[in-house]
Amino acid sequence: MDLPQQSVPTMRRHLRWAVPALIVIIVVPPVVLYTYFGKPREAEISSSPASVAPAGMRVPEPMSQTQPKANSGGDLNTAVKHLADKMVKDPNNGEGWLLLARTYGELRQHKEAANAYAKAAALLPPDAAMLADWADAYVMTQDRKWNDEAREIVKRALAANPKHLKSLALAGGEAFDRADYKTAIDYWKRIKAVAPADSMDVKLADSNIAEATARMSGKKP
């Protein structure tokens, strides 16, 4: 959607919920990776498993220095290659595809992540977090543009969990992008109904609702 130049600053806060609305940095625990492709390094063995940031959160918990990061060298790149090779030999392992998708996401390899999420979703029970992350990665492969396939994935996510924050945020961002402000407001109100009252989710929802309301009335945000 083309926006007037003067609206860009006010849109920045909204774009945190538009696609790639809530890109979640998934920290892949070395202990989990060990399950799939072998013995981790000694330093990784001594570290405790990292907490995977829950889907719907914008900011992940701080990563410890022993956790693999995309910008820390070749560790995660090597891990994802080994895991991808493993999945060629074990293509019916849904949990393996999900782990691979999250690892690709950490590396910002959106096309590979989306493909792995698709395979995981075909093998695993419906899960809102997985489906929302798939939609997020998929839209990134489409130059951040929504299409019917992306909308269907979010629809499936909300069917799995109507209160899932990231799914609601993605749906609201998609509706806003096509100027369906009433629908966007409805999704953001649903976020307010389930998120803690003092959370950033609610603050962003209020801000976005105000902006969408202004656009509905023809006022400049």
C-alpha atoms as a PDB file:
ATOM      1  CA  MET A   1       0.000   0.000   0.000  1.00  0.00           C
ATOM      2  CA  ASP A   2       1.477   3.340  -1.034  1.00  0.00           C
ATOM      3  CA  LEU A   3       1.378   5.857   1.788  1.00  0.00           C
ATOM      4  CA  PRO A   4       1.786   9.632   1.761  1.00  0.00           C
ATOM      5  CA  GLN A   5       5.313  10.671   2.706  1.00  0.00           C
ATOM      6  CA  GLN A   6       4.145  12.458   5.811  1.00  0.00           C
ATOM      7  CA  SER A   7       2.545   9.292   7.180  1.00  0.00           C
ATOM      8  CA  VAL A   8       5.779   7.305   7.318  1.00  0.00           C
ATOM      9  CA  PRO A   9       6.869   8.369  10.830  1.00  0.00           C
ATOM     10  CA  THR A  10       3.497   7.524  12.321  1.00  0.00           C
ATOM     11  CA  MET A  11       3.439   4.213  10.507  1.00  0.00           C
ATOM     12  CA  ARG A  12       6.666   3.016  12.067  1.00  0.00           C
ATOM     13  CA  ARG A  13       4.951   1.933  15.246  1.00  0.00           C
ATOM     14  CA  HIS A  14       2.241   0.212  13.207  1.00  0.00           C
ATOM     15  CA  LEU A  15       4.752  -1.643  11.080  1.00  0.00           C
ATOM     16  CA  ARG A  16       5.890  -3.507  14.151  1.00  0.00           C
ATOM     17  CA  TRP A  17       2.600  -5.342  13.789  1.00  0.00           C
ATOM     18  CA  ALA A  18       2.350  -5.315  10.024  1.00  0.00           C
ATOM     19  CA  VAL A  19       4.295  -7.938   8.158  1.00  0.00           C
ATOM     20  CA  PRO A  20       6.862  -8.895   9.188  1.00  0.00           C
ATOM     21  CA  ALA A  21       4.812  -7.790  12.154  1.00  0.00           C
ATOM     22  CA  LEU A  22       6.173  -9.785  15.011  1.00  0.00           C
ATOM     23  CA  ILE A  23       9.267 -11.552  13.744  1.00  0.00           C
ATOM     24  CA  VAL A  24      10.295 -13.663  16.670  1.00  0.00           C
ATOM     25  CA  ILE A  25      13.944 -14.515  17.142  1.00  0.00           C
ATOM     26  CA  ILE A  26      13.945 -18.207  17.890  1.00  0.00           C
ATOM     27  CA  VAL A  27      16.953 -19.222  19.954  1.00  0.00           C
ATOM     28  CA  VAL A  28      17.690 -22.860  19.216  1.00  0.00           C
ATOM     29  CA  PRO A  29      19.025 -24.659  22.302  1.00  0.00           C
ATOM     30  CA  PRO A  30      22.207 -26.659  21.677  1.00  0.00           C
ATOM     31  CA  VAL A  31      20.683 -29.532  23.648  1.00  0.00           C
ATOM     32  CA  VAL A  32      17.804 -29.692  21.153  1.00  0.00           C
ATOM     33  CA  LEU A  33      20.114 -29.585  18.163  1.00  0.00           C
ATOM     34  CA  TYR A  34      22.158 -32.393  19.696  1.00  0.00           C
ATOM     35  CA  THR A  35      19.121 -34.646  19.417  1.00  0.00           C
ATOM     36  CA  TYR A  36      19.223 -34.339  15.649  1.00  0.00           C
ATOM     37  CA  PHE A  37      22.809 -34.266  14.514  1.00  0.00           C
ATOM     38  CA  GLY A  38      25.321 -35.275  17.104  1.00  0.00           C
ATOM     39  CA  LYS A  39      27.678 -34.182  19.832  1.00  0.00           C
ATOM     40  CA  PRO A  40      27.817 -30.458  20.608  1.00  0.00           C
ATOM     41  CA  ARG A  41      30.990 -28.701  21.588  1.00  0.00           C
ATOM     42  CA  GLU A  42      32.133 -28.899  25.208  1.00  0.00           C
ATOM     43  CA  ALA A  43      31.206 -25.282  25.857  1.00  0.00           C
ATOM     44  CA  GLU A  44      27.681 -25.941  24.630  1.00  0.00           C
ATOM     45  CA  ILE A  45      27.283 -29.066  26.750  1.00  0.00           C
ATOM     46  CA  SER A  46      27.978 -27.067  29.896  1.00  0.00           C
ATOM     47  CA  SER A  47      25.375 -24.433  29.063  1.00  0.00           C
ATOM     48  CA  SER A  48      21.776 -24.692  30.137  1.00  0.00           C
ATOM     49  CA  PRO A  49      19.076 -24.835  27.443  1.00  0.00           C
ATOM     50  CA  ALA A  50      17.868 -21.464  26.271  1.00  0.00           C
ATOM     51  CA  SER A  51      14.250 -20.477  26.587  1.00  0.00           C
ATOM     52  CA  VAL A  52      12.498 -20.264  23.243  1.00  0.00           C
ATOM     53  CA  ALA A  53      10.802 -16.912  22.974  1.00  0.00           C
ATOM     54  CA  PRO A  54       7.028 -17.445  22.863  1.00  0.00           C
ATOM     55  CA  ALA A  55       5.354 -16.530  19.600  1.00  0.00           C
ATOM     56  CA  GLY A  56       3.574 -13.195  19.793  1.00  0.00           C
ATOM     57  CA  MET A  57       6.383 -11.442  21.641  1.00  0.00           C
ATOM     58  CA  ARG A  58       8.235  -8.739  19.758  1.00  0.00           C
ATOM     59  CA  VAL A  59      11.398  -8.757  21.810  1.00  0.00           C
ATOM     60  CA  PRO A  60      13.109 -12.018  22.731  1.00  0.00           C
ATOM     61  CA  GLU A  61      14.666 -12.640  26.106  1.00  0.00           C
ATOM     62  CA  PRO A  62      18.385 -11.812  26.218  1.00  0.00           C
ATOM     63  CA  MET A  63      20.541 -14.546  24.734  1.00  0.00           C
ATOM     64  CA  SER A  64      23.433 -15.927  26.741  1.00  0.00           C
ATOM     65  CA  GLN A  65      26.873 -15.860  25.201  1.00  0.00           C
ATOM     66  CA  THR A  66      26.867 -19.637  24.856  1.00  0.00           C
ATOM     67  CA  GLN A  67      23.758 -19.690  22.697  1.00  0.00           C
ATOM     68  CA  PRO A  68      24.324 -19.864  18.926  1.00  0.00           C
ATOM     69  CA  LYS A  69      23.515 -16.631  17.106  1.00  0.00           C
ATOM     70  CA  ALA A  70      23.295 -15.826  13.429  1.00  0.00           C
ATOM     71  CA  ASN A  71      25.925 -13.109  13.701  1.00  0.00           C
ATOM     72  CA  SER A  72      28.366 -15.013  15.921  1.00  0.00           C
ATOM     73  CA  GLY A  73      30.097 -17.001  13.193  1.00  0.00           C
ATOM     74  CA  GLY A  74      29.517 -20.288  11.498  1.00  0.00           C
ATOM     75  CA  ASP A  75      28.078 -22.271  14.413  1.00  0.00           C
ATOM     76  CA  LEU A  76      24.413 -21.911  13.516  1.00  0.00           C
ATOM     77  CA  ASN A  77      25.082 -22.131   9.793  1.00  0.00           C
ATOM     78  CA  THR A  78      26.875 -25.430  10.352  1.00  0.00           C
ATOM     79  CA  ALA A  79      24.082 -26.647  12.589  1.00  0.00           C
ATOM     80  CA  VAL A  80      21.362 -25.849  10.071  1.00  0.00           C
ATOM     81  CA  LYS A  81      23.266 -27.610   7.292  1.00  0.00           C
ATOM     82  CA  HIS A  82      23.605 -30.751   9.384  1.00  0.00           C
ATOM     83  CA  LEU A  83      19.948 -30.618  10.346  1.00  0.00           C
ATOM     84  CA  ALA A  84      18.862 -30.075   6.736  1.00  0.00           C
ATOM     85  CA  ASP A  85      20.910 -33.116   5.712  1.00  0.00           C
ATOM     86  CA  LYS A  86      19.276 -35.077   8.515  1.00  0.00           C
ATOM     87  CA  MET A  87      15.794 -34.143   7.311  1.00  0.00           C
ATOM     88  CA  VAL A  88      16.530 -35.423   3.800  1.00  0.00           C
ATOM     89  CA  LYS A  89      16.945 -38.843   5.388  1.00  0.00           C
ATOM     90  CA  ASP A  90      14.014 -38.423   7.797  1.00  0.00           C
ATOM     91  CA  PRO A  91      11.386 -36.424   5.854  1.00  0.00           C
ATOM     92  CA  ASN A  92       8.451 -37.525   8.006  1.00  0.00           C
ATOM     93  CA  ASN A  93       9.857 -35.998  11.191  1.00  0.00           C
ATOM     94  CA  GLY A  94       7.558 -33.057  11.810  1.00  0.00           C
ATOM     95  CA  GLU A  95       9.402 -31.831  14.892  1.00  0.00           C
ATOM     96  CA  GLY A  96      12.632 -31.901  12.913  1.00  0.00           C
ATOM     97  CA  TRP A  97      11.128 -29.716  10.177  1.00  0.00           C
ATOM     98  CA  LEU A  98       9.830 -27.310  12.817  1.00  0.00           C
ATOM     99  CA  LEU A  99      13.248 -27.016  14.423  1.00  0.00           C
ATOM    100  CA  LEU A 100      14.822 -26.519  11.004  1.00  0.00           C
ATOM    101  CA  ALA A 101      12.287 -23.791  10.177  1.00  0.00           C
ATOM    102  CA  ARG A 102      13.030 -21.943  13.413  1.00  0.00           C
ATOM    103  CA  THR A 103      16.749 -22.221  12.827  1.00  0.00           C
ATOM    104  CA  TYR A 104      16.381 -20.824   9.313  1.00  0.00           C
ATOM    105  CA  GLY A 105      14.335 -18.027  10.834  1.00  0.00           C
ATOM    106  CA  GLU A 106      17.171 -17.188  13.212  1.00  0.00           C
ATOM    107  CA  LEU A 107      19.425 -16.919  10.164  1.00  0.00           C
ATOM    108  CA  ARG A 108      16.847 -14.741   8.365  1.00  0.00           C
ATOM    109  CA  GLN A 109      16.667 -17.288   5.542  1.00  0.00           C
ATOM    110  CA  HIS A 110      12.969 -16.675   5.028  1.00  0.00           C
ATOM    111  CA  LYS A 111      12.392 -18.792   1.926  1.00  0.00           C
ATOM    112  CA  GLU A 112      13.998 -21.835   3.491  1.00  0.00           C
ATOM    113  CA  ALA A 113      12.145 -21.176   6.743  1.00  0.00           C
ATOM    114  CA  ALA A 114       8.784 -20.931   4.981  1.00  0.00           C
ATOM    115  CA  ASN A 115       9.403 -24.181   3.100  1.00  0.00           C
ATOM    116  CA  ALA A 116      10.363 -25.984   6.305  1.00  0.00           C
ATOM    117  CA  TYR A 117       7.314 -24.609   8.143  1.00  0.00           C
ATOM    118  CA  ALA A 118       5.112 -25.897   5.317  1.00  0.00           C
ATOM    119  CA  LYS A 119       6.541 -29.388   5.748  1.00  0.00           C
ATOM    120  CA  ALA A 120       6.175 -29.217   9.526  1.00  0.00           C
ATOM    121  CA  ALA A 121       2.567 -28.028   9.268  1.00  0.00           C
ATOM    122  CA  ALA A 122       1.733 -30.942   6.976  1.00  0.00           C
ATOM    123  CA  LEU A 123       2.984 -33.421   9.575  1.00  0.00           C
ATOM    124  CA  LEU A 124       2.127 -31.880  12.950  1.00  0.00           C
ATOM    125  CA  PRO A 125      -1.193 -31.032  14.630  1.00  0.00           C
ATOM    126  CA  PRO A 126      -2.390 -27.447  14.080  1.00  0.00           C
ATOM    127  CA  ASP A 127      -0.448 -25.039  16.284  1.00  0.00           C
ATOM    128  CA  ALA A 128      -1.002 -21.294  16.266  1.00  0.00           C
ATOM    129  CA  ALA A 129       2.607 -20.387  17.020  1.00  0.00           C
ATOM    130  CA  MET A 130       3.964 -22.554  14.222  1.00  0.00           C
ATOM    131  CA  LEU A 131       1.397 -21.319  11.719  1.00  0.00           C
ATOM    132  CA  ALA A 132       1.902 -17.660  12.623  1.00  0.00           C
ATOM    133  CA  ASP A 133       5.655 -17.991  12.232  1.00  0.00           C
ATOM    134  CA  TRP A 134       5.094 -19.723   8.889  1.00  0.00           C
ATOM    135  CA  ALA A 135       2.866 -16.873   7.699  1.00  0.00           C
ATOM    136  CA  ASP A 136       5.438 -14.341   8.848  1.00  0.00           C
ATOM    137  CA  ALA A 137       8.277 -16.067   6.987  1.00  0.00           C
ATOM    138  CA  TYR A 138       6.136 -16.664   3.912  1.00  0.00           C
ATOM    139  CA  VAL A 139       5.123 -13.018   3.535  1.00  0.00           C
ATOM    140  CA  MET A 140       8.772 -12.026   3.805  1.00  0.00           C
ATOM    141  CA  THR A 141       9.410 -14.158   0.715  1.00  0.00           C
ATOM    142  CA  GLN A 142       6.713 -12.171  -1.118  1.00  0.00           C
ATOM    143  CA  ASP A 143       8.391  -8.781  -0.614  1.00  0.00           C
ATOM    144  CA  ARG A 144       6.243  -8.290   2.482  1.00  0.00           C
ATOM    145  CA  LYS A 145       3.054  -8.459   0.444  1.00  0.00           C
ATOM    146  CA  TRP A 146       0.053 -10.506   1.480  1.00  0.00           C
ATOM    147  CA  ASN A 147      -1.646 -12.994  -0.796  1.00  0.00           C
ATOM    148  CA  ASP A 148      -4.410 -15.545  -0.357  1.00  0.00           C
ATOM    149  CA  GLU A 149      -2.025 -18.262   0.794  1.00  0.00           C
ATOM    150  CA  ALA A 150      -0.620 -16.084   3.570  1.00  0.00           C
ATOM    151  CA  ARG A 151      -4.115 -15.089   4.678  1.00  0.00           C
ATOM    152  CA  GLU A 152      -5.149 -18.740   4.778  1.00  0.00           C
ATOM    153  CA  ILE A 153      -2.200 -19.636   7.010  1.00  0.00           C
ATOM    154  CA  VAL A 154      -3.153 -16.913   9.499  1.00  0.00           C
ATOM    155  CA  LYS A 155      -6.762 -18.075   9.342  1.00  0.00           C
ATOM    156  CA  ARG A 156      -5.592 -21.571  10.276  1.00  0.00           C
ATOM    157  CA  ALA A 157      -3.522 -20.145  13.126  1.00  0.00           C
ATOM    158  CA  LEU A 158      -6.514 -18.330  14.590  1.00  0.00           C
ATOM    159  CA  ALA A 159      -8.635 -21.446  14.175  1.00  0.00           C
ATOM    160  CA  ALA A 160      -6.063 -23.313  16.261  1.00  0.00           C
ATOM    161  CA  ASN A 161      -5.999 -20.580  18.915  1.00  0.00           C
ATOM    162  CA  PRO A 162      -8.288 -17.535  18.583  1.00  0.00           C
ATOM    163  CA  LYS A 163      -6.375 -15.761  21.369  1.00  0.00           C
ATOM    164  CA  HIS A 164      -2.862 -16.172  19.972  1.00  0.00           C
ATOM    165  CA  LEU A 165      -1.257 -12.732  20.060  1.00  0.00           C
ATOM    166  CA  LYS A 166       1.018 -12.975  17.050  1.00  0.00           C
ATOM    167  CA  SER A 167      -1.756 -14.431  14.900  1.00  0.00           C
ATOM    168  CA  LEU A 168      -4.093 -11.609  15.913  1.00  0.00           C
ATOM    169  CA  ALA A 169      -1.364  -9.053  15.238  1.00  0.00           C
ATOM    170  CA  LEU A 170      -0.637 -10.467  11.797  1.00  0.00           C
ATOM    171  CA  ALA A 171      -4.333 -10.499  10.948  1.00  0.00           C
ATOM    172  CA  GLY A 172      -4.676  -6.899  12.100  1.00  0.00           C
ATOM    173  CA  GLY A 173      -1.654  -5.795  10.108  1.00  0.00           C
ATOM    174  CA  GLU A 174      -2.947  -7.545   6.992  1.00  0.00           C
ATOM    175  CA  ALA A 175      -6.355  -5.887   7.313  1.00  0.00           C
ATOM    176  CA  PHE A 176      -4.742  -2.482   7.824  1.00  0.00           C
ATOM    177  CA  ASP A 177      -2.569  -2.934   4.736  1.00  0.00           C
ATOM    178  CA  ARG A 178      -5.641  -3.387   2.555  1.00  0.00           C
ATOM    179  CA  ALA A 179      -7.356  -0.426   4.242  1.00  0.00           C
ATOM    180  CA  ASP A 180      -9.944  -2.563   6.033  1.00  0.00           C
ATOM    181  CA  TYR A 181      -9.573  -0.480   9.152  1.00  0.00           C
ATOM    182  CA  LYS A 182     -12.682  -1.767  10.897  1.00  0.00           C
ATOM    183  CA  THR A 183     -11.445  -5.351  10.711  1.00  0.00           C
ATOM    184  CA  ALA A 184      -7.967  -4.290  11.822  1.00  0.00           C
ATOM    185  CA  ILE A 185      -9.447  -2.535  14.845  1.00  0.00           C
ATOM    186  CA  ASP A 186     -11.441  -5.645  15.717  1.00  0.00           C
ATOM    187  CA  TYR A 187      -8.269  -7.760  15.765  1.00  0.00           C
ATOM    188  CA  TRP A 188      -6.405  -5.200  17.869  1.00  0.00           C
ATOM    189  CA  LYS A 189      -9.290  -5.069  20.336  1.00  0.00           C
ATOM    190  CA  ARG A 190      -9.014  -8.833  20.633  1.00  0.00           C
ATOM    191  CA  ILE A 191      -5.348  -8.392  21.523  1.00  0.00           C
ATOM    192  CA  LYS A 192      -6.342  -5.959  24.264  1.00  0.00           C
ATOM    193  CA  ALA A 193      -8.803  -8.503  25.604  1.00  0.00           C
ATOM    194  CA  VAL A 194      -6.155 -11.188  26.144  1.00  0.00           C
ATOM    195  CA  ALA A 195      -2.862  -9.341  26.724  1.00  0.00           C
ATOM    196  CA  PRO A 196      -1.872  -7.964  30.149  1.00  0.00           C
ATOM    197  CA  ALA A 197      -3.264  -4.471  30.617  1.00  0.00           C
ATOM    198  CA  ASP A 198       0.161  -2.883  31.152  1.00  0.00           C
ATOM    199  CA  SER A 199       1.903  -4.758  28.334  1.00  0.00           C
ATOM    200  CA  MET A 200       3.476  -3.307  25.209  1.00  0.00           C
ATOM    201  CA  ASP A 201       0.962  -5.368  23.216  1.00  0.00           C
ATOM    202  CA  VAL A 202      -1.872  -3.283  24.627  1.00  0.00           C
ATOM    203  CA  LYS A 203       0.013  -0.008  24.158  1.00  0.00           C
ATOM    204  CA  LEU A 204       0.664  -0.820  20.503  1.00  0.00           C
ATOM    205  CA  ALA A 205      -2.930  -1.946  20.050  1.00  0.00           C
ATOM    206  CA  ASP A 206      -4.187   1.371  21.429  1.00  0.00           C
ATOM    207  CA  SER A 207      -1.833   3.293  19.144  1.00  0.00           C
ATOM    208  CA  ASN A 208      -2.850   1.304  16.090  1.00  0.00           C
ATOM    209  CA  ILE A 209      -6.542   1.571  16.909  1.00  0.00           C
ATOM    210  CA  ALA A 210      -6.183   5.351  17.151  1.00  0.00           C
ATOM    211  CA  GLU A 211      -4.409   5.478  13.805  1.00  0.00           C
ATOM    212  CA  ALA A 212      -6.951   3.238  12.077  1.00  0.00           C
ATOM    213  CA  THR A 213      -9.810   5.245  13.569  1.00  0.00           C
ATOM    214  CA  ALA A 214      -8.260   8.454  12.250  1.00  0.00           C
ATOM    215  CA  ARG A 215      -7.941   6.963   8.782  1.00  0.00           C
ATOM    216  CA  MET A 216     -11.566   5.838   8.855  1.00  0.00           C
ATOM    217  CA  SER A 217     -12.627   9.404   9.617  1.00  0.00           C
ATOM    218  CA  GLY A 218     -10.405  10.794   6.877  1.00  0.00           C
ATOM    219  CA  LYS A 219      -7.993  12.474   9.268  1.00  0.00           C
ATOM    220  CA  LYS A 220      -4.243  12.371   8.771  1.00  0.00           C
ATOM    221  CA  PRO A 221      -2.518  10.178  11.375  1.00  0.00           C
END
